[in-house]
Amino acid sequence: MSTTLSILAGTPVYVWLIFAAVLALAARSLTRRTLAPARLLPLPLIMFAVALAGLARQADAGAAGLSAWFVAFLAGLSLGVYLASLRSIAASGRPGQVEVGGDAVTFGLILASFAVHYAFGVAQAMASTHDASLQLIEMAVSGLLGGVFLGRGLASFRRAARVAGRAHLPA
């Protein structure tokens, strides 16, 4: 059996269940939706929590690991704010709600996050010894993704709240 097939066959069932849920969530992001601005917050907050959990799991990485995570997180915040500016958010016909366009960026970010966590999990499982450079890369990627999700989510929420508030002001 090839290494790839061995890895896939050795993946625990719960990982495939998580992947199915992640795929469903990602697919939902592709459709145009009408929602309250606050509904834009749960996913970014969850993904930020995942990034923080990754940071906590790697507590033995020391100052270098913390620095890698933090610098990448700040870069991710900036990228996330920029990506939010490209997002389609418009007033809807319902008070306090906005229309958010289908979004391939969210789809890609969700799948990338799963793929990165899966790949690092496999790499760690296959490593015969602790690999400090792999740990630093994992921390940087975790910080970057957490920052992108949080920056994009907060900037999208702020913009959506403004749009929702303006749409129903008396003329």
N, C-alpha and C. Protein backbone atom coordinates (compact mmCIF):
# COMPACT_ATOMS: atom_id res chain seq x y z
N MET A 1 0.86 -1.18 0.00
CA MET A 1 0.00 0.00 0.00
C MET A 1 0.90 1.24 0.00
N SER A 2 0.55 2.21 -0.80
CA SER A 2 1.37 3.42 -0.87
C SER A 2 1.26 4.21 0.44
N THR A 3 2.23 5.10 0.65
CA THR A 3 2.24 5.91 1.86
C THR A 3 0.98 6.75 1.98
N THR A 4 0.56 7.35 0.88
CA THR A 4 -0.64 8.19 0.90
C THR A 4 -1.87 7.38 1.30
N LEU A 5 -2.02 6.20 0.69
CA LEU A 5 -3.17 5.35 1.04
C LEU A 5 -3.08 4.88 2.49
N SER A 6 -1.88 4.60 2.96
CA SER A 6 -1.70 4.19 4.36
C SER A 6 -2.11 5.31 5.31
N ILE A 7 -1.73 6.54 4.96
CA ILE A 7 -2.09 7.69 5.80
C ILE A 7 -3.60 7.85 5.83
N LEU A 8 -4.22 7.82 4.65
CA LEU A 8 -5.68 7.99 4.58
C LEU A 8 -6.40 6.87 5.31
N ALA A 9 -5.94 5.64 5.15
CA ALA A 9 -6.56 4.49 5.82
C ALA A 9 -6.36 4.56 7.33
N GLY A 10 -5.25 5.14 7.76
CA GLY A 10 -4.96 5.23 9.19
C GLY A 10 -5.58 6.43 9.87
N THR A 11 -6.24 7.27 9.11
CA THR A 11 -6.87 8.46 9.69
C THR A 11 -8.09 8.03 10.50
N PRO A 12 -8.18 8.47 11.75
CA PRO A 12 -9.33 8.08 12.58
C PRO A 12 -10.67 8.55 11.97
N VAL A 13 -11.71 7.81 12.24
CA VAL A 13 -13.04 8.11 11.71
C VAL A 13 -13.50 9.51 12.13
N TYR A 14 -13.19 9.93 13.35
CA TYR A 14 -13.66 11.24 13.81
C TYR A 14 -13.09 12.37 12.95
N VAL A 15 -11.89 12.17 12.37
CA VAL A 15 -11.30 13.19 11.50
C VAL A 15 -12.13 13.32 10.23
N TRP A 16 -12.58 12.19 9.69
CA TRP A 16 -13.42 12.25 8.49
C TRP A 16 -14.78 12.89 8.80
N LEU A 17 -15.30 12.67 10.00
CA LEU A 17 -16.56 13.32 10.39
C LEU A 17 -16.36 14.84 10.51
N ILE A 18 -15.23 15.24 11.07
CA ILE A 18 -14.91 16.67 11.15
C ILE A 18 -14.77 17.23 9.74
N PHE A 19 -14.11 16.48 8.85
CA PHE A 19 -13.95 16.94 7.48
C PHE A 19 -15.31 17.12 6.79
N ALA A 20 -16.23 16.18 7.01
CA ALA A 20 -17.57 16.30 6.41
C ALA A 20 -18.27 17.56 6.91
N ALA A 21 -18.16 17.83 8.22
CA ALA A 21 -18.79 19.04 8.78
C ALA A 21 -18.12 20.30 8.22
N VAL A 22 -16.81 20.28 8.11
CA VAL A 22 -16.07 21.42 7.57
C VAL A 22 -16.46 21.65 6.11
N LEU A 23 -16.58 20.59 5.35
CA LEU A 23 -16.96 20.69 3.95
C LEU A 23 -18.37 21.27 3.81
N ALA A 24 -19.29 20.83 4.66
CA ALA A 24 -20.67 21.36 4.62
C ALA A 24 -20.66 22.86 4.97
N LEU A 25 -19.91 23.23 5.97
CA LEU A 25 -19.81 24.64 6.36
C LEU A 25 -19.20 25.47 5.23
N ALA A 26 -18.16 24.94 4.63
CA ALA A 26 -17.50 25.65 3.53
C ALA A 26 -18.45 25.80 2.34
N ALA A 27 -19.18 24.76 2.01
CA ALA A 27 -20.12 24.82 0.88
C ALA A 27 -21.21 25.86 1.14
N ARG A 28 -21.65 25.97 2.38
CA ARG A 28 -22.68 26.95 2.73
C ARG A 28 -22.21 28.38 2.47
N SER A 29 -20.91 28.60 2.60
CA SER A 29 -20.37 29.95 2.39
C SER A 29 -20.44 30.38 0.93
N LEU A 30 -20.70 29.45 0.02
CA LEU A 30 -20.75 29.77 -1.40
C LEU A 30 -22.09 30.37 -1.83
N THR A 31 -23.09 30.31 -0.96
CA THR A 31 -24.41 30.80 -1.34
C THR A 31 -24.67 32.19 -0.77
N ARG A 32 -25.45 32.97 -1.51
CA ARG A 32 -25.86 34.30 -1.07
C ARG A 32 -26.85 34.13 0.08
N ARG A 33 -26.65 34.92 1.15
CA ARG A 33 -27.51 34.79 2.34
C ARG A 33 -27.92 36.15 2.85
N THR A 34 -29.09 36.19 3.49
CA THR A 34 -29.53 37.37 4.20
C THR A 34 -29.43 37.04 5.68
N LEU A 35 -28.73 37.91 6.42
CA LEU A 35 -28.52 37.60 7.84
C LEU A 35 -28.23 38.87 8.63
N ALA A 36 -28.34 38.74 9.94
CA ALA A 36 -27.97 39.84 10.84
C ALA A 36 -26.44 39.93 10.87
N PRO A 37 -25.88 41.14 10.97
CA PRO A 37 -24.42 41.27 10.98
C PRO A 37 -23.72 40.38 12.01
N ALA A 38 -24.33 40.19 13.16
CA ALA A 38 -23.71 39.36 14.21
C ALA A 38 -23.51 37.92 13.77
N ARG A 39 -24.25 37.46 12.78
CA ARG A 39 -24.09 36.08 12.29
C ARG A 39 -22.79 35.90 11.51
N LEU A 40 -22.09 37.00 11.24
CA LEU A 40 -20.79 36.91 10.58
C LEU A 40 -19.66 36.61 11.56
N LEU A 41 -19.96 36.64 12.86
CA LEU A 41 -18.91 36.51 13.87
C LEU A 41 -18.56 35.09 14.34
N PRO A 42 -19.51 34.15 14.44
CA PRO A 42 -19.16 32.86 15.04
C PRO A 42 -17.99 32.13 14.38
N LEU A 43 -17.98 32.00 13.05
CA LEU A 43 -16.90 31.27 12.39
C LEU A 43 -15.53 31.90 12.66
N PRO A 44 -15.37 33.22 12.47
CA PRO A 44 -14.05 33.80 12.77
C PRO A 44 -13.63 33.62 14.22
N LEU A 45 -14.58 33.72 15.15
CA LEU A 45 -14.24 33.55 16.56
C LEU A 45 -13.84 32.11 16.86
N ILE A 46 -14.53 31.17 16.24
CA ILE A 46 -14.18 29.75 16.42
C ILE A 46 -12.79 29.48 15.85
N MET A 47 -12.52 30.01 14.66
CA MET A 47 -11.21 29.77 14.04
C MET A 47 -10.09 30.47 14.81
N PHE A 48 -10.38 31.60 15.40
CA PHE A 48 -9.39 32.26 16.27
C PHE A 48 -9.14 31.40 17.51
N ALA A 49 -10.20 30.82 18.07
CA ALA A 49 -10.05 29.92 19.22
C ALA A 49 -9.21 28.70 18.84
N VAL A 50 -9.40 28.18 17.63
CA VAL A 50 -8.60 27.05 17.16
C VAL A 50 -7.12 27.46 17.08
N ALA A 51 -6.87 28.67 16.60
CA ALA A 51 -5.49 29.16 16.52
C ALA A 51 -4.89 29.32 17.91
N LEU A 52 -5.68 29.83 18.86
CA LEU A 52 -5.19 29.95 20.24
C LEU A 52 -4.94 28.59 20.86
N ALA A 53 -5.80 27.63 20.55
CA ALA A 53 -5.61 26.27 21.06
C ALA A 53 -4.32 25.68 20.51
N GLY A 54 -4.04 25.95 19.24
CA GLY A 54 -2.78 25.50 18.64
C GLY A 54 -1.59 26.12 19.33
N LEU A 55 -1.72 27.38 19.68
CA LEU A 55 -0.66 28.07 20.41
C LEU A 55 -0.45 27.42 21.78
N ALA A 56 -1.53 27.13 22.47
CA ALA A 56 -1.44 26.50 23.80
C ALA A 56 -0.84 25.10 23.71
N ARG A 57 -1.20 24.35 22.65
CA ARG A 57 -0.66 23.00 22.47
C ARG A 57 0.84 23.01 22.24
N GLN A 58 1.33 24.10 21.69
CA GLN A 58 2.75 24.19 21.35
C GLN A 58 3.51 25.04 22.37
N ALA A 59 3.08 25.02 23.60
CA ALA A 59 3.67 25.88 24.64
C ALA A 59 5.17 25.64 24.81
N ASP A 60 5.65 24.47 24.46
CA ASP A 60 7.07 24.16 24.62
C ASP A 60 7.94 24.77 23.52
N ALA A 61 7.35 25.52 22.59
CA ALA A 61 8.12 26.12 21.48
C ALA A 61 8.92 27.34 21.94
N GLY A 62 8.60 27.87 23.09
CA GLY A 62 9.37 28.98 23.64
C GLY A 62 9.12 30.30 22.92
N ALA A 63 10.06 31.21 23.12
CA ALA A 63 9.93 32.57 22.58
C ALA A 63 9.89 32.57 21.05
N ALA A 64 10.66 31.71 20.43
CA ALA A 64 10.68 31.67 18.95
C ALA A 64 9.31 31.27 18.41
N GLY A 65 8.69 30.27 19.02
CA GLY A 65 7.37 29.84 18.57
C GLY A 65 6.31 30.88 18.81
N LEU A 66 6.35 31.51 19.97
CA LEU A 66 5.39 32.56 20.29
C LEU A 66 5.56 33.74 19.33
N SER A 67 6.79 34.10 19.04
CA SER A 67 7.07 35.19 18.10
C SER A 67 6.56 34.86 16.71
N ALA A 68 6.82 33.63 16.26
CA ALA A 68 6.35 33.21 14.93
C ALA A 68 4.84 33.29 14.85
N TRP A 69 4.16 32.80 15.89
CA TRP A 69 2.70 32.83 15.90
C TRP A 69 2.20 34.28 15.88
N PHE A 70 2.76 35.13 16.72
CA PHE A 70 2.28 36.50 16.86
C PHE A 70 2.53 37.32 15.60
N VAL A 71 3.71 37.23 15.02
CA VAL A 71 4.01 37.98 13.79
C VAL A 71 3.09 37.51 12.66
N ALA A 72 2.92 36.21 12.53
CA ALA A 72 2.03 35.68 11.49
C ALA A 72 0.58 36.09 11.76
N PHE A 73 0.18 36.11 13.02
CA PHE A 73 -1.18 36.54 13.38
C PHE A 73 -1.41 37.99 12.96
N LEU A 74 -0.45 38.87 13.23
CA LEU A 74 -0.59 40.28 12.83
C LEU A 74 -0.67 40.41 11.31
N ALA A 75 0.15 39.66 10.60
CA ALA A 75 0.09 39.68 9.13
C ALA A 75 -1.28 39.16 8.66
N GLY A 76 -1.77 38.12 9.31
CA GLY A 76 -3.08 37.57 8.97
C GLY A 76 -4.21 38.56 9.23
N LEU A 77 -4.12 39.30 10.34
CA LEU A 77 -5.14 40.33 10.62
C LEU A 77 -5.20 41.33 9.47
N SER A 78 -4.05 41.81 9.04
CA SER A 78 -4.00 42.78 7.95
C SER A 78 -4.58 42.19 6.67
N LEU A 79 -4.19 40.98 6.34
CA LEU A 79 -4.71 40.33 5.14
C LEU A 79 -6.22 40.12 5.26
N GLY A 80 -6.68 39.73 6.45
CA GLY A 80 -8.11 39.52 6.66
C GLY A 80 -8.92 40.79 6.48
N VAL A 81 -8.42 41.90 6.98
CA VAL A 81 -9.13 43.18 6.81
C VAL A 81 -9.20 43.53 5.33
N TYR A 82 -8.10 43.31 4.61
CA TYR A 82 -8.12 43.57 3.17
C TYR A 82 -9.14 42.67 2.47
N LEU A 83 -9.14 41.39 2.79
CA LEU A 83 -10.08 40.46 2.15
C LEU A 83 -11.53 40.83 2.45
N ALA A 84 -11.78 41.38 3.65
CA ALA A 84 -13.14 41.80 4.00
C ALA A 84 -13.60 42.94 3.09
N SER A 85 -12.67 43.78 2.67
CA SER A 85 -13.04 44.91 1.80
C SER A 85 -13.50 44.43 0.43
N LEU A 86 -13.15 43.22 0.06
CA LEU A 86 -13.55 42.66 -1.23
C LEU A 86 -14.88 41.91 -1.16
N ARG A 87 -15.37 41.69 0.04
CA ARG A 87 -16.56 40.89 0.27
C ARG A 87 -17.81 41.65 -0.12
N SER A 88 -18.75 40.96 -0.74
CA SER A 88 -20.02 41.57 -1.13
C SER A 88 -20.97 41.62 0.07
N ILE A 89 -21.23 42.84 0.56
CA ILE A 89 -22.17 43.06 1.66
C ILE A 89 -23.07 44.21 1.25
N ALA A 90 -24.38 43.97 1.21
CA ALA A 90 -25.33 44.99 0.76
C ALA A 90 -26.55 45.00 1.67
N ALA A 91 -27.26 46.11 1.64
CA ALA A 91 -28.50 46.23 2.41
C ALA A 91 -29.51 45.21 1.89
N SER A 92 -30.30 44.68 2.81
CA SER A 92 -31.37 43.77 2.40
C SER A 92 -32.71 44.47 2.65
N GLY A 93 -33.77 43.85 2.29
CA GLY A 93 -35.09 44.43 2.51
C GLY A 93 -35.58 44.23 3.94
N ARG A 94 -34.82 43.57 4.76
CA ARG A 94 -35.24 43.27 6.13
C ARG A 94 -34.50 44.19 7.11
N PRO A 95 -35.21 44.74 8.08
CA PRO A 95 -34.56 45.62 9.06
C PRO A 95 -33.44 44.88 9.83
N GLY A 96 -32.30 45.54 9.96
CA GLY A 96 -31.20 44.99 10.76
C GLY A 96 -30.46 43.84 10.11
N GLN A 97 -30.72 43.60 8.82
CA GLN A 97 -30.05 42.49 8.15
C GLN A 97 -29.37 42.98 6.88
N VAL A 98 -28.40 42.19 6.44
CA VAL A 98 -27.66 42.49 5.22
C VAL A 98 -27.66 41.26 4.32
N GLU A 99 -27.35 41.50 3.07
CA GLU A 99 -27.20 40.41 2.13
C GLU A 99 -25.70 40.22 1.89
N VAL A 100 -25.24 39.00 2.13
CA VAL A 100 -23.82 38.67 1.98
C VAL A 100 -23.71 37.72 0.79
N GLY A 101 -22.88 38.11 -0.17
CA GLY A 101 -22.72 37.30 -1.37
C GLY A 101 -22.03 35.98 -1.11
N GLY A 102 -22.26 35.04 -2.01
CA GLY A 102 -21.53 33.79 -1.95
C GLY A 102 -20.03 34.08 -2.03
N ASP A 103 -19.24 33.28 -1.35
CA ASP A 103 -17.87 33.69 -1.11
C ASP A 103 -16.88 32.53 -1.22
N ALA A 104 -16.11 32.52 -2.29
CA ALA A 104 -15.11 31.48 -2.47
C ALA A 104 -13.92 31.65 -1.51
N VAL A 105 -13.69 32.87 -1.02
CA VAL A 105 -12.58 33.10 -0.09
C VAL A 105 -12.82 32.34 1.21
N THR A 106 -14.03 32.47 1.76
CA THR A 106 -14.35 31.74 2.99
C THR A 106 -14.23 30.24 2.75
N PHE A 107 -14.76 29.77 1.62
CA PHE A 107 -14.67 28.36 1.26
C PHE A 107 -13.21 27.91 1.26
N GLY A 108 -12.36 28.66 0.58
CA GLY A 108 -10.94 28.30 0.50
C GLY A 108 -10.24 28.34 1.85
N LEU A 109 -10.55 29.36 2.65
CA LEU A 109 -9.92 29.47 3.97
C LEU A 109 -10.30 28.32 4.89
N ILE A 110 -11.57 27.93 4.86
CA ILE A 110 -12.03 26.83 5.70
C ILE A 110 -11.33 25.53 5.30
N LEU A 111 -11.30 25.25 3.99
CA LEU A 111 -10.65 24.02 3.53
C LEU A 111 -9.14 24.06 3.76
N ALA A 112 -8.53 25.22 3.56
CA ALA A 112 -7.09 25.35 3.80
C ALA A 112 -6.77 25.10 5.27
N SER A 113 -7.59 25.62 6.15
CA SER A 113 -7.37 25.42 7.58
C SER A 113 -7.42 23.94 7.94
N PHE A 114 -8.43 23.24 7.44
CA PHE A 114 -8.52 21.80 7.72
C PHE A 114 -7.31 21.07 7.14
N ALA A 115 -6.97 21.37 5.89
CA ALA A 115 -5.87 20.68 5.22
C ALA A 115 -4.54 20.90 5.96
N VAL A 116 -4.31 22.13 6.40
CA VAL A 116 -3.07 22.45 7.11
C VAL A 116 -3.01 21.70 8.43
N HIS A 117 -4.10 21.72 9.19
CA HIS A 117 -4.10 20.99 10.47
C HIS A 117 -3.93 19.49 10.26
N TYR A 118 -4.57 18.96 9.23
CA TYR A 118 -4.43 17.54 8.92
C TYR A 118 -2.99 17.21 8.55
N ALA A 119 -2.40 18.02 7.66
CA ALA A 119 -1.03 17.77 7.20
C ALA A 119 -0.03 17.82 8.35
N PHE A 120 -0.18 18.83 9.23
CA PHE A 120 0.74 18.91 10.36
C PHE A 120 0.53 17.75 11.33
N GLY A 121 -0.71 17.33 11.50
CA GLY A 121 -0.98 16.16 12.36
C GLY A 121 -0.31 14.91 11.81
N VAL A 122 -0.40 14.71 10.51
CA VAL A 122 0.25 13.56 9.87
C VAL A 122 1.76 13.67 10.00
N ALA A 123 2.31 14.85 9.74
CA ALA A 123 3.76 15.04 9.83
C ALA A 123 4.27 14.74 11.24
N GLN A 124 3.53 15.21 12.23
CA GLN A 124 3.95 14.94 13.61
C GLN A 124 3.85 13.47 13.96
N ALA A 125 2.80 12.82 13.45
CA ALA A 125 2.63 11.39 13.73
C ALA A 125 3.74 10.57 13.07
N MET A 126 4.21 11.02 11.92
CA MET A 126 5.24 10.28 11.19
C MET A 126 6.65 10.59 11.67
N ALA A 127 6.85 11.71 12.34
CA ALA A 127 8.18 12.10 12.79
C ALA A 127 8.65 11.18 13.90
N SER A 128 9.88 10.74 13.78
CA SER A 128 10.41 9.85 14.82
C SER A 128 10.92 10.66 16.02
N THR A 129 11.23 11.92 15.79
CA THR A 129 11.69 12.79 16.88
C THR A 129 10.98 14.14 16.77
N HIS A 130 11.11 14.92 17.80
CA HIS A 130 10.54 16.27 17.81
C HIS A 130 11.28 17.12 16.79
N ASP A 131 10.54 17.79 15.91
CA ASP A 131 11.14 18.64 14.89
C ASP A 131 10.77 20.09 15.18
N ALA A 132 11.74 20.84 15.71
CA ALA A 132 11.49 22.22 16.12
C ALA A 132 11.13 23.11 14.94
N SER A 133 11.74 22.89 13.78
CA SER A 133 11.42 23.74 12.62
C SER A 133 10.00 23.49 12.14
N LEU A 134 9.57 22.23 12.16
CA LEU A 134 8.18 21.92 11.80
C LEU A 134 7.22 22.58 12.78
N GLN A 135 7.58 22.57 14.04
CA GLN A 135 6.74 23.19 15.07
C GLN A 135 6.62 24.70 14.84
N LEU A 136 7.72 25.36 14.49
CA LEU A 136 7.68 26.81 14.21
C LEU A 136 6.81 27.11 12.99
N ILE A 137 6.93 26.30 11.96
CA ILE A 137 6.12 26.51 10.76
C ILE A 137 4.65 26.32 11.09
N GLU A 138 4.34 25.28 11.86
CA GLU A 138 2.95 25.04 12.25
C GLU A 138 2.39 26.21 13.05
N MET A 139 3.20 26.74 13.95
CA MET A 139 2.73 27.87 14.77
C MET A 139 2.51 29.10 13.90
N ALA A 140 3.40 29.36 12.96
CA ALA A 140 3.25 30.52 12.08
C ALA A 140 1.99 30.38 11.22
N VAL A 141 1.77 29.20 10.66
CA VAL A 141 0.58 28.99 9.82
C VAL A 141 -0.69 29.11 10.65
N SER A 142 -0.67 28.57 11.87
CA SER A 142 -1.82 28.67 12.76
C SER A 142 -2.11 30.13 13.10
N GLY A 143 -1.08 30.90 13.40
CA GLY A 143 -1.27 32.32 13.69
C GLY A 143 -1.79 33.08 12.48
N LEU A 144 -1.23 32.77 11.30
CA LEU A 144 -1.67 33.43 10.08
C LEU A 144 -3.15 33.17 9.81
N LEU A 145 -3.56 31.91 9.86
CA LEU A 145 -4.96 31.57 9.60
C LEU A 145 -5.89 32.18 10.65
N GLY A 146 -5.48 32.12 11.91
CA GLY A 146 -6.29 32.73 12.96
C GLY A 146 -6.46 34.22 12.74
N GLY A 147 -5.39 34.89 12.33
CA GLY A 147 -5.45 36.32 12.06
C GLY A 147 -6.32 36.66 10.87
N VAL A 148 -6.20 35.87 9.79
CA VAL A 148 -7.02 36.12 8.60
C VAL A 148 -8.50 35.97 8.95
N PHE A 149 -8.84 34.88 9.63
CA PHE A 149 -10.25 34.68 9.99
C PHE A 149 -10.76 35.80 10.89
N LEU A 150 -9.98 36.15 11.92
CA LEU A 150 -10.44 37.17 12.86
C LEU A 150 -10.50 38.55 12.19
N GLY A 151 -9.47 38.93 11.47
CA GLY A 151 -9.46 40.22 10.80
C GLY A 151 -10.59 40.36 9.80
N ARG A 152 -10.79 39.33 9.01
CA ARG A 152 -11.85 39.36 8.00
C ARG A 152 -13.22 39.36 8.66
N GLY A 153 -13.37 38.56 9.70
CA GLY A 153 -14.66 38.49 10.38
C GLY A 153 -15.04 39.79 11.06
N LEU A 154 -14.10 40.38 11.79
CA LEU A 154 -14.39 41.64 12.49
C LEU A 154 -14.63 42.78 11.52
N ALA A 155 -13.82 42.85 10.46
CA ALA A 155 -14.01 43.92 9.46
C ALA A 155 -15.32 43.73 8.71
N SER A 156 -15.67 42.50 8.40
CA SER A 156 -16.95 42.23 7.71
C SER A 156 -18.12 42.59 8.62
N PHE A 157 -18.01 42.23 9.89
CA PHE A 157 -19.07 42.56 10.85
C PHE A 157 -19.25 44.07 10.95
N ARG A 158 -18.14 44.78 11.08
CA ARG A 158 -18.21 46.24 11.21
C ARG A 158 -18.88 46.86 9.99
N ARG A 159 -18.47 46.42 8.82
CA ARG A 159 -19.05 46.95 7.59
C ARG A 159 -20.52 46.58 7.47
N ALA A 160 -20.87 45.34 7.80
CA ALA A 160 -22.26 44.89 7.73
C ALA A 160 -23.15 45.65 8.71
N ALA A 161 -22.63 45.91 9.90
CA ALA A 161 -23.40 46.67 10.90
C ALA A 161 -23.67 48.07 10.40
N ARG A 162 -22.68 48.70 9.76
CA ARG A 162 -22.88 50.04 9.18
C ARG A 162 -23.93 50.01 8.08
N VAL A 163 -23.81 49.02 7.18
CA VAL A 163 -24.76 48.90 6.07
C VAL A 163 -26.17 48.65 6.60
N ALA A 164 -26.31 47.76 7.57
CA ALA A 164 -27.63 47.46 8.13
C ALA A 164 -28.23 48.67 8.83
N GLY A 165 -27.40 49.44 9.52
CA GLY A 165 -27.89 50.64 10.22
C GLY A 165 -28.31 51.74 9.27
N ARG A 166 -27.55 51.93 8.18
CA ARG A 166 -27.88 52.97 7.20
C ARG A 166 -29.11 52.62 6.39
N ALA A 167 -29.32 51.36 6.14
CA ALA A 167 -30.40 50.96 5.24
C ALA A 167 -31.78 51.31 5.78
N HIS A 168 -31.90 51.47 7.07
CA HIS A 168 -33.24 51.67 7.64
C HIS A 168 -33.36 52.96 8.42
N LEU A 169 -32.52 53.92 8.07
CA LEU A 169 -32.66 55.25 8.68
C LEU A 169 -33.77 56.00 7.97
N PRO A 170 -34.54 56.79 8.72
CA PRO A 170 -35.60 57.58 8.04
C PRO A 170 -34.99 58.59 7.07
N ALA A 171 -35.67 58.79 5.98
CA ALA A 171 -35.16 59.72 4.95
C ALA A 171 -35.36 61.16 5.31
